[in-house]
Amino acid sequence: MKIMKFGGTSVGKPERMHQVKDLVTRGDEPTIVVLSALSGTTNALVGIGDALASADRVLAKERIDELHAHYLDFYPKLLKTDEARQIAESIIKEHFEFLNIILKISFNEAINRDILAQGELLSTKLFYTLLGELEIPAVFLSALDFMSIDENSEPELNKISEKLKAILAQHPGQKLFVTQGYICKNHRNEVDNLKRGGSDYTASLVAAAINASVCEIWTDIDGMHNNDPRIVDRTRPIAELSFDEAAELAYFGAKILHPASIWPAQQYNVPVRLLNTMDPEAHGTLIKENVETTGVKAIAAKDGITAIKIKSSRMLLAYGFLRRVFEIFEKYKTPIDMITTSEVAVSVTIDDLSHLSQILEELEVLGSVEVDQNQTIVCIVGNLVSETQGVVRSVLDSVDNFPIRMVSYGGSRHNVSLLIDSKFKKDALQQLNEGVFVWD
């Protein structure tokens, strides 16, 4: 059995949802289809929640009506028969009645999570209705029946596997199943979610839970590219990546894949394919356990980085100093991306500024503190890239015309990372593109 996950742009228009139908029915292998919400829906639902959180019910109502109008325009173009259209109209009516009821009750975080769940429920129900109209046998699976997270918001993979396998066993011989990405139940049995980008995570978790033959992630570009095509003049798709390489790229800014989605597939050695809904015959990118090629594969950039330097000639070499520094970040649950040290200072980078003022206040007890904001981590990724002769020289030579705030080298065999001021990001990516890749 394989997993096929389709993002919002792949189902965002009626004709694209028809393309998805063609893709999921063209093979004989049993398939679980994981769908995101229609493109723009999650952002609209976030906006509704934000308006309600601000007690602006008029604005919330306007946003609900705008989204409702979009779906009322969508379904007649998706479906042709009166019967199927009546089913779709009933589905849309049910979900938007729910959103309008929320306008009349007290708003809280649990209700907000219910609001956010509506997008995936709508997309999967409409897609399932399309399959029914075309008399394509399929089973509708509610992710809320098997997808769960614990009190730390971590997926309960063993429970997910047990529940999902039991559900699938109830449908022997069935070859097509449709379920939602993103949504789940939490440890209080409330509707919750896997955070933004969580549909990729759902697909990988489902693939791991049933030991799928492959987890296909379908988007609107032909695989992961070797650089950011929105910024760099020429890029190319990467044929193969190891799980470790893909995880580095996803974490450090490659938008095609959610960072968390690599881990479950890697743990259970399920290959992941990144494919293009608009060009199904393109090779895309295959992510697997091991790859033989070495050297630089790709470059990614992560914005919104803040660098913090703690300088203390009196305490840095003292036993336990670094532990005290890290405990402050741990206390405020703030992850560190990069770290460099010298005899008198330690520098770290973070991207979560929720507790920056408290962190700085506690760090100042340990020494003088300097903060640089609006920084970007540029990550150069490849198999054994940190051990390949000449790679570091070519990286540094490519960006020798502007200052580098930090360099991380040797912490991973698969990446070399630079911290630069964000104003240099575009030039850095362009220059690295020409300096570290061989172009025909």
Protein backbone atom coordinates (compact mmCIF):
# COMPACT_ATOMS: atom_id res chain seq x y z
CA MET A 1 0.00 0.00 0.00
CA LYS A 2 1.25 3.48 -0.82
CA ILE A 3 0.48 6.99 0.44
CA MET A 4 -0.29 9.90 -1.89
CA LYS A 5 -0.46 13.33 -0.30
CA PHE A 6 -1.71 16.37 -2.23
CA GLY A 7 -1.19 19.94 -1.10
CA GLY A 8 -3.55 22.88 -1.26
CA THR A 9 -2.57 24.02 -4.74
CA SER A 10 -3.09 20.48 -6.06
CA VAL A 11 -6.75 20.54 -4.98
CA GLY A 12 -7.31 24.30 -5.02
CA LYS A 13 -9.24 24.40 -8.29
CA PRO A 14 -11.94 22.02 -9.59
CA GLU A 15 -9.85 21.00 -12.60
CA ARG A 16 -6.90 20.23 -10.35
CA MET A 17 -9.03 18.07 -8.10
CA HIS A 18 -9.95 16.13 -11.23
CA GLN A 19 -6.24 15.73 -11.97
CA VAL A 20 -5.78 14.30 -8.49
CA LYS A 21 -8.60 11.85 -9.20
CA ASP A 22 -6.78 10.70 -12.32
CA LEU A 23 -3.50 10.25 -10.45
CA VAL A 24 -4.88 8.23 -7.55
CA THR A 25 -6.78 5.86 -9.82
CA ARG A 26 -4.14 5.11 -12.45
CA GLY A 27 -2.36 2.26 -10.63
CA ASP A 28 -3.36 -1.05 -9.08
CA GLU A 29 -1.61 -0.66 -5.73
CA PRO A 30 -3.92 0.07 -2.76
CA THR A 31 -3.61 3.74 -1.85
CA ILE A 32 -4.37 6.07 1.01
CA VAL A 33 -4.91 9.61 -0.28
CA VAL A 34 -4.08 12.42 2.17
CA LEU A 35 -5.46 15.85 1.25
CA SER A 36 -4.71 19.33 2.47
CA ALA A 37 -7.34 22.05 2.56
CA LEU A 38 -8.07 23.92 -0.65
CA SER A 39 -5.42 26.61 -1.22
CA GLY A 40 -6.22 29.76 0.73
CA THR A 41 -8.65 28.03 3.08
CA THR A 42 -6.37 27.58 6.07
CA ASN A 43 -5.26 31.22 5.88
CA ALA A 44 -8.92 32.26 5.75
CA LEU A 45 -9.74 30.09 8.78
CA VAL A 46 -6.80 31.57 10.68
CA GLY A 47 -8.19 35.00 9.87
CA ILE A 48 -11.61 34.02 11.21
CA GLY A 49 -10.03 32.78 14.43
CA ASP A 50 -7.94 35.94 14.77
CA ALA A 51 -11.02 38.12 14.37
CA LEU A 52 -12.89 36.14 17.01
CA ALA A 53 -9.89 36.27 19.35
CA SER A 54 -10.04 40.07 19.01
CA ALA A 55 -13.79 40.00 19.72
CA ASP A 56 -14.46 41.44 16.25
CA ARG A 57 -17.46 39.33 15.31
CA VAL A 58 -18.39 41.60 12.41
CA LEU A 59 -15.04 40.99 10.75
CA ALA A 60 -15.26 37.27 11.54
CA LYS A 61 -18.68 37.11 9.88
CA GLU A 62 -17.35 38.90 6.78
CA ARG A 63 -14.50 36.40 6.50
CA ILE A 64 -16.84 33.43 6.96
CA ASP A 65 -19.13 34.74 4.23
CA GLU A 66 -16.18 35.32 1.85
CA LEU A 67 -14.96 31.77 2.34
CA HIS A 68 -18.49 30.39 2.02
CA ALA A 69 -18.89 32.19 -1.32
CA HIS A 70 -15.67 30.58 -2.56
CA TYR A 71 -16.98 27.09 -1.85
CA LEU A 72 -20.40 27.87 -3.33
CA ASP A 73 -18.57 28.82 -6.52
CA PHE A 74 -16.24 25.78 -6.34
CA TYR A 75 -18.55 22.79 -6.10
CA PRO A 76 -20.76 23.37 -9.20
CA LYS A 77 -17.56 23.45 -11.30
CA LEU A 78 -16.29 20.27 -9.65
CA LEU A 79 -19.44 18.16 -10.00
CA LYS A 80 -21.84 17.61 -12.87
CA THR A 81 -24.86 15.65 -11.62
CA ASP A 82 -27.67 17.14 -9.56
CA GLU A 83 -27.34 14.36 -7.00
CA ALA A 84 -23.63 14.97 -6.40
CA ARG A 85 -24.15 18.72 -6.27
CA GLN A 86 -26.87 18.31 -3.66
CA ILE A 87 -24.50 16.22 -1.54
CA ALA A 88 -21.76 18.85 -1.87
CA GLU A 89 -24.18 21.66 -1.06
CA SER A 90 -25.24 19.80 2.08
CA ILE A 91 -21.60 19.28 3.12
CA ILE A 92 -20.77 22.95 2.66
CA LYS A 93 -23.92 24.02 4.47
CA GLU A 94 -23.06 21.82 7.47
CA HIS A 95 -19.54 23.22 7.88
CA PHE A 96 -20.48 26.84 7.43
CA GLU A 97 -23.42 26.51 9.83
CA PHE A 98 -20.82 25.31 12.33
CA LEU A 99 -18.65 28.38 11.68
CA ASN A 100 -21.63 30.69 12.05
CA ILE A 101 -22.67 29.05 15.33
CA ILE A 102 -19.20 29.78 16.71
CA LEU A 103 -19.93 33.49 16.23
CA LYS A 104 -22.51 33.20 19.00
CA ILE A 105 -20.45 31.43 21.68
CA SER A 106 -17.42 32.26 23.79
CA PHE A 107 -14.18 31.89 21.88
CA ASN A 108 -11.27 29.84 23.21
CA GLU A 109 -8.26 27.92 21.89
CA ALA A 110 -10.16 24.63 21.62
CA ILE A 111 -12.79 26.32 19.44
CA ASN A 112 -10.02 27.83 17.32
CA ARG A 113 -8.62 24.36 16.65
CA ASP A 114 -12.11 23.25 15.59
CA ILE A 115 -12.22 26.17 13.16
CA LEU A 116 -8.86 25.23 11.65
CA ALA A 117 -9.99 21.63 11.10
CA GLN A 118 -12.79 22.62 8.72
CA GLY A 119 -10.53 23.04 5.68
CA GLU A 120 -9.30 19.46 5.45
CA LEU A 121 -12.74 18.07 6.28
CA LEU A 122 -14.27 20.08 3.45
CA SER A 123 -11.65 19.16 0.85
CA THR A 124 -11.76 15.43 1.57
CA LYS A 125 -15.56 15.29 1.64
CA LEU A 126 -15.81 17.13 -1.68
CA PHE A 127 -13.17 14.88 -3.23
CA TYR A 128 -14.95 11.80 -1.91
CA THR A 129 -18.18 13.13 -3.44
CA LEU A 130 -16.40 13.48 -6.79
CA LEU A 131 -15.26 9.85 -6.59
CA GLY A 132 -18.81 8.79 -5.79
CA GLU A 133 -20.23 10.70 -8.74
CA LEU A 134 -17.78 8.91 -11.03
CA GLU A 135 -18.58 5.55 -9.40
CA ILE A 136 -14.99 5.07 -8.26
CA PRO A 137 -15.02 2.78 -5.20
CA ALA A 138 -13.40 4.43 -2.17
CA VAL A 139 -13.57 4.56 1.62
CA PHE A 140 -13.69 7.82 3.56
CA LEU A 141 -11.42 7.74 6.61
CA SER A 142 -11.69 10.37 9.32
CA ALA A 143 -8.21 11.20 10.56
CA LEU A 144 -9.85 12.05 13.89
CA ASP A 145 -10.50 8.31 14.34
CA PHE A 146 -6.82 7.33 14.29
CA MET A 147 -4.45 10.32 14.28
CA SER A 148 -3.51 11.40 17.82
CA ILE A 149 -0.91 13.41 19.73
CA ASP A 150 0.15 13.21 23.37
CA GLU A 151 0.31 15.92 26.03
CA ASN A 152 3.56 17.20 24.48
CA SER A 153 1.91 17.47 21.04
CA GLU A 154 3.98 14.53 19.79
CA PRO A 155 2.29 11.98 17.50
CA GLU A 156 1.48 8.65 19.17
CA LEU A 157 2.78 6.49 16.36
CA ASN A 158 2.09 3.12 18.01
CA LYS A 159 -1.53 4.09 18.70
CA ILE A 160 -1.91 5.54 15.23
CA SER A 161 -0.65 2.29 13.71
CA GLU A 162 -2.88 0.10 15.84
CA LYS A 163 -6.03 2.11 15.14
CA LEU A 164 -5.39 2.61 11.44
CA LYS A 165 -4.59 -1.04 10.78
CA ALA A 166 -7.80 -2.05 12.56
CA ILE A 167 -9.83 0.35 10.41
CA LEU A 168 -8.22 -0.84 7.17
CA ALA A 169 -8.89 -4.45 8.15
CA GLN A 170 -12.61 -3.65 8.09
CA HIS A 171 -12.38 -3.00 4.34
CA PRO A 172 -10.71 -6.07 2.78
CA GLY A 173 -10.17 -5.78 -0.95
CA GLN A 174 -10.70 -2.03 -0.98
CA LYS A 175 -8.02 -0.17 -2.93
CA LEU A 176 -8.68 3.52 -2.36
CA PHE A 177 -8.98 5.42 0.91
CA VAL A 178 -9.33 9.18 1.44
CA THR A 179 -8.31 10.99 4.62
CA GLN A 180 -7.29 14.38 5.96
CA GLY A 181 -3.87 15.80 6.54
CA TYR A 182 -3.07 18.16 9.43
CA ILE A 183 -5.89 17.33 11.84
CA CYS A 184 -5.81 14.95 14.81
CA LYS A 185 -7.08 14.43 18.35
CA ASN A 186 -5.05 15.44 21.40
CA HIS A 187 -4.66 13.68 24.76
CA ARG A 188 -7.90 15.32 25.98
CA ASN A 189 -9.73 13.85 22.96
CA GLU A 190 -10.21 17.34 21.52
CA VAL A 191 -9.76 18.26 17.88
CA ASP A 192 -6.19 19.45 17.37
CA ASN A 193 -3.63 19.67 14.58
CA LEU A 194 -0.04 18.97 13.60
CA LYS A 195 0.64 22.70 13.07
CA ARG A 196 1.24 24.44 9.73
CA GLY A 197 2.58 22.15 7.03
CA GLY A 198 1.23 19.23 8.99
CA SER A 199 -0.31 17.43 6.02
CA ASP A 200 3.18 16.30 5.00
CA TYR A 201 3.62 15.09 8.57
CA THR A 202 0.32 13.19 8.42
CA ALA A 203 1.37 11.45 5.21
CA SER A 204 4.71 10.39 6.67
CA LEU A 205 3.11 9.19 9.91
CA VAL A 206 0.51 7.16 8.01
CA ALA A 207 3.25 5.71 5.80
CA ALA A 208 5.24 4.69 8.87
CA ALA A 209 2.14 3.36 10.66
CA ILE A 210 1.29 0.88 7.89
CA ASN A 211 4.86 0.36 6.60
CA ALA A 212 3.88 1.73 3.19
CA SER A 213 5.84 0.94 0.04
CA VAL A 214 6.31 4.67 -0.64
CA CYS A 215 5.08 8.05 0.57
CA GLU A 216 4.40 10.37 -2.37
CA ILE A 217 4.20 14.11 -1.68
CA TRP A 218 2.54 15.85 -4.65
CA THR A 219 2.95 19.63 -5.01
CA ASP A 220 3.11 22.14 -7.87
CA ILE A 221 6.85 21.85 -8.63
CA ASP A 222 8.90 18.94 -9.92
CA GLY A 223 10.71 17.87 -6.78
CA MET A 224 13.13 19.61 -4.45
CA HIS A 225 15.43 22.03 -6.28
CA ASN A 226 19.09 22.67 -5.65
CA ASN A 227 18.36 26.31 -4.76
CA ASP A 228 15.39 28.62 -4.25
CA PRO A 229 13.79 29.07 -7.70
CA ARG A 230 11.98 32.20 -6.49
CA ILE A 231 15.31 33.95 -5.96
CA VAL A 232 17.96 32.24 -8.07
CA ASP A 233 18.02 32.59 -11.87
CA ARG A 234 18.61 28.92 -12.67
CA THR A 235 17.91 25.86 -10.58
CA ARG A 236 17.37 22.17 -11.21
CA PRO A 237 15.50 19.39 -9.42
CA ILE A 238 17.53 16.95 -7.34
CA ALA A 239 17.10 13.34 -8.41
CA GLU A 240 17.98 11.70 -5.09
CA LEU A 241 18.56 12.71 -1.48
CA SER A 242 19.25 10.76 1.66
CA PHE A 243 16.88 11.21 4.58
CA ASP A 244 19.58 13.16 6.42
CA GLU A 245 20.15 15.52 3.51
CA ALA A 246 16.43 16.11 3.04
CA ALA A 247 15.95 16.76 6.75
CA GLU A 248 18.70 19.39 6.71
CA LEU A 249 17.19 21.12 3.69
CA ALA A 250 13.66 21.05 5.07
CA TYR A 251 14.74 22.44 8.43
CA PHE A 252 16.86 25.17 6.89
CA GLY A 253 14.26 26.60 4.58
CA ALA A 254 13.38 24.33 1.63
CA LYS A 255 9.64 25.07 1.42
CA ILE A 256 8.53 22.00 -0.52
CA LEU A 257 8.76 19.70 2.49
CA HIS A 258 7.72 20.18 6.11
CA PRO A 259 10.73 19.61 8.42
CA ALA A 260 8.91 17.16 10.70
CA SER A 261 7.75 14.96 7.85
CA ILE A 262 11.10 13.25 7.27
CA TRP A 263 11.42 11.64 10.69
CA PRO A 264 8.62 9.00 10.62
CA ALA A 265 9.50 7.83 7.12
CA GLN A 266 13.17 7.64 8.05
CA GLN A 267 12.48 5.66 11.22
CA TYR A 268 10.62 3.00 9.23
CA ASN A 269 12.70 3.34 6.06
CA VAL A 270 9.76 4.29 3.83
CA PRO A 271 10.99 6.03 0.65
CA VAL A 272 9.54 9.49 0.03
CA ARG A 273 8.95 10.85 -3.47
CA LEU A 274 8.38 14.53 -4.17
CA LEU A 275 6.30 14.81 -7.34
CA ASN A 276 4.56 17.45 -9.47
CA THR A 277 0.78 17.29 -9.90
CA MET A 278 1.06 19.54 -12.98
CA ASP A 279 3.73 17.30 -14.58
CA PRO A 280 3.11 13.76 -13.30
CA GLU A 281 5.72 12.19 -15.58
CA ALA A 282 8.58 14.28 -14.19
CA HIS A 283 11.04 12.24 -12.11
CA GLY A 284 10.83 14.51 -9.07
CA THR A 285 13.00 13.76 -6.06
CA LEU A 286 13.44 10.40 -4.36
CA ILE A 287 14.38 10.49 -0.67
CA LYS A 288 15.72 7.24 0.77
CA GLU A 289 18.06 5.87 3.43
CA ASN A 290 21.37 5.94 1.55
CA VAL A 291 22.69 7.62 -1.58
CA GLU A 292 26.07 7.05 -3.17
CA THR A 293 26.76 10.51 -4.61
CA THR A 294 28.83 12.96 -2.57
CA GLY A 295 29.40 16.71 -2.66
CA VAL A 296 27.01 19.66 -2.66
CA LYS A 297 23.42 18.78 -3.58
CA ALA A 298 21.46 21.88 -2.63
CA ILE A 299 21.35 25.22 -0.86
CA ALA A 300 18.57 26.47 1.42
CA ALA A 301 18.06 29.65 3.40
CA LYS A 302 16.21 30.23 6.65
CA ASP A 303 15.13 33.80 7.45
CA GLY A 304 14.02 35.44 10.67
CA ILE A 305 17.14 34.44 12.60
CA THR A 306 18.48 36.26 15.66
CA ALA A 307 22.10 35.83 16.76
CA ILE A 308 23.02 36.19 20.43
CA LYS A 309 26.64 36.46 21.61
CA ILE A 310 27.48 35.97 25.29
CA LYS A 311 30.96 37.23 26.19
CA SER A 312 32.57 36.50 29.55
CA SER A 313 36.35 36.29 29.95
CA ARG A 314 35.83 35.42 33.60
CA MET A 315 33.41 32.52 33.25
CA LEU A 316 33.52 30.98 29.77
CA LEU A 317 36.20 28.42 30.57
CA ALA A 318 34.69 27.69 33.96
CA TYR A 319 33.16 24.27 34.41
CA GLY A 320 29.41 24.33 33.66
CA PHE A 321 29.29 27.68 31.85
CA LEU A 322 27.86 26.32 28.58
CA ARG A 323 25.39 24.19 30.52
CA ARG A 324 24.10 27.33 32.26
CA VAL A 325 23.72 29.08 28.90
CA PHE A 326 21.78 26.20 27.37
CA GLU A 327 19.58 25.76 30.43
CA ILE A 328 18.25 29.29 29.91
CA PHE A 329 17.11 28.44 26.38
CA GLU A 330 15.71 25.12 27.57
CA LYS A 331 13.77 26.89 30.33
CA TYR A 332 11.95 28.97 27.71
CA LYS A 333 11.63 26.05 25.23
CA THR A 334 13.58 27.98 22.60
CA PRO A 335 15.54 25.81 20.14
CA ILE A 336 19.04 26.80 19.02
CA ASP A 337 19.95 26.45 15.33
CA MET A 338 23.67 27.26 15.24
CA ILE A 339 26.40 27.58 17.85
CA THR A 340 30.02 28.74 17.72
CA THR A 341 32.48 29.22 20.59
CA SER A 342 35.80 30.92 21.26
CA GLU A 343 37.91 31.34 24.38
CA VAL A 344 35.89 34.30 25.57
CA ALA A 345 32.48 34.08 23.86
CA VAL A 346 29.73 31.79 22.67
CA SER A 347 27.29 32.71 19.89
CA VAL A 348 23.97 31.00 19.20
CA THR A 349 21.08 31.58 16.82
CA ILE A 350 17.33 31.26 17.40
CA ASP A 351 14.23 31.82 15.29
CA ASP A 352 11.64 31.90 18.08
CA LEU A 353 11.58 35.33 19.73
CA SER A 354 8.63 34.64 22.03
CA HIS A 355 10.77 34.85 25.15
CA LEU A 356 13.71 36.90 23.88
CA SER A 357 13.53 39.57 26.58
CA GLN A 358 13.47 37.00 29.40
CA ILE A 359 16.32 35.03 27.81
CA LEU A 360 18.48 38.13 27.45
CA GLU A 361 17.79 39.20 31.01
CA GLU A 362 19.02 35.85 32.35
CA LEU A 363 22.01 35.69 29.99
CA GLU A 364 23.22 39.10 31.16
CA VAL A 365 23.95 37.53 34.54
CA LEU A 366 26.59 35.39 32.81
CA GLY A 367 28.32 38.15 30.81
CA SER A 368 27.85 40.90 28.26
CA VAL A 369 25.27 40.12 25.58
CA GLU A 370 25.08 41.30 21.96
CA VAL A 371 22.06 40.73 19.73
CA ASP A 372 21.92 40.81 15.91
CA GLN A 373 18.49 40.48 14.33
CA ASN A 374 17.36 40.17 10.69
CA GLN A 375 19.86 37.39 10.02
CA THR A 376 19.64 34.46 7.57
CA ILE A 377 21.13 30.98 7.82
CA VAL A 378 22.36 29.74 4.45
CA CYS A 379 22.78 25.97 4.52
CA ILE A 380 24.89 24.12 1.94
CA VAL A 381 23.82 20.47 1.96
CA GLY A 382 25.18 17.28 0.47
CA ASN A 383 26.28 13.77 1.31
CA LEU A 384 29.58 13.97 3.24
CA VAL A 385 29.79 17.64 2.22
CA SER A 386 31.82 18.55 5.30
CA GLU A 387 34.39 15.90 4.37
CA THR A 388 34.61 16.50 0.62
CA GLN A 389 37.85 18.20 -0.38
CA GLY A 390 37.46 21.74 -1.69
CA VAL A 391 33.81 22.25 -0.71
CA VAL A 392 34.44 24.65 2.17
CA ARG A 393 36.92 26.64 0.08
CA SER A 394 34.43 27.01 -2.78
CA VAL A 395 31.68 28.04 -0.36
CA LEU A 396 33.74 30.74 1.32
CA ASP A 397 35.26 31.95 -1.95
CA SER A 398 31.73 32.36 -3.37
CA VAL A 399 30.69 34.80 -0.63
CA ASP A 400 33.95 36.58 0.15
CA ASN A 401 32.56 40.01 -0.77
CA PHE A 402 30.31 40.44 2.28
CA PRO A 403 30.64 39.74 6.02
CA ILE A 404 29.79 36.35 7.52
CA ARG A 405 28.52 36.48 11.10
CA MET A 406 28.95 32.77 11.94
CA VAL A 407 30.10 29.53 10.30
CA SER A 408 28.97 26.06 11.38
CA TYR A 409 31.19 23.29 10.05
CA GLY A 410 31.70 19.75 11.29
CA GLY A 411 28.60 19.44 13.44
CA SER A 412 26.99 17.44 10.66
CA ARG A 413 28.58 15.45 7.86
CA HIS A 414 25.86 16.74 5.56
CA ASN A 415 25.95 20.52 5.82
CA VAL A 416 27.99 23.68 6.10
CA SER A 417 26.00 26.65 7.39
CA LEU A 418 26.68 30.38 7.18
CA LEU A 419 24.96 33.17 9.10
CA ILE A 420 24.67 36.42 7.16
CA ASP A 421 22.69 39.64 7.34
CA SER A 422 19.40 39.06 5.52
CA LYS A 423 20.08 41.97 3.16
CA PHE A 424 22.82 39.82 1.56
CA LYS A 425 20.63 36.73 1.13
CA LYS A 426 19.75 37.12 -2.55
CA ASP A 427 23.33 37.84 -3.60
CA ALA A 428 24.63 34.99 -1.44
CA LEU A 429 22.28 32.43 -2.98
CA GLN A 430 23.10 33.62 -6.52
CA GLN A 431 26.85 33.59 -5.92
CA LEU A 432 26.82 30.20 -4.22
CA ASN A 433 24.71 28.83 -7.06
CA GLU A 434 27.43 29.75 -9.53
CA GLY A 435 30.33 28.91 -7.21
CA VAL A 436 29.54 25.43 -5.88
CA PHE A 437 27.57 23.76 -8.70
CA VAL A 438 28.77 22.57 -12.07
CA TRP A 439 26.54 23.84 -14.88
CA ASP A 440 26.53 22.52 -18.42
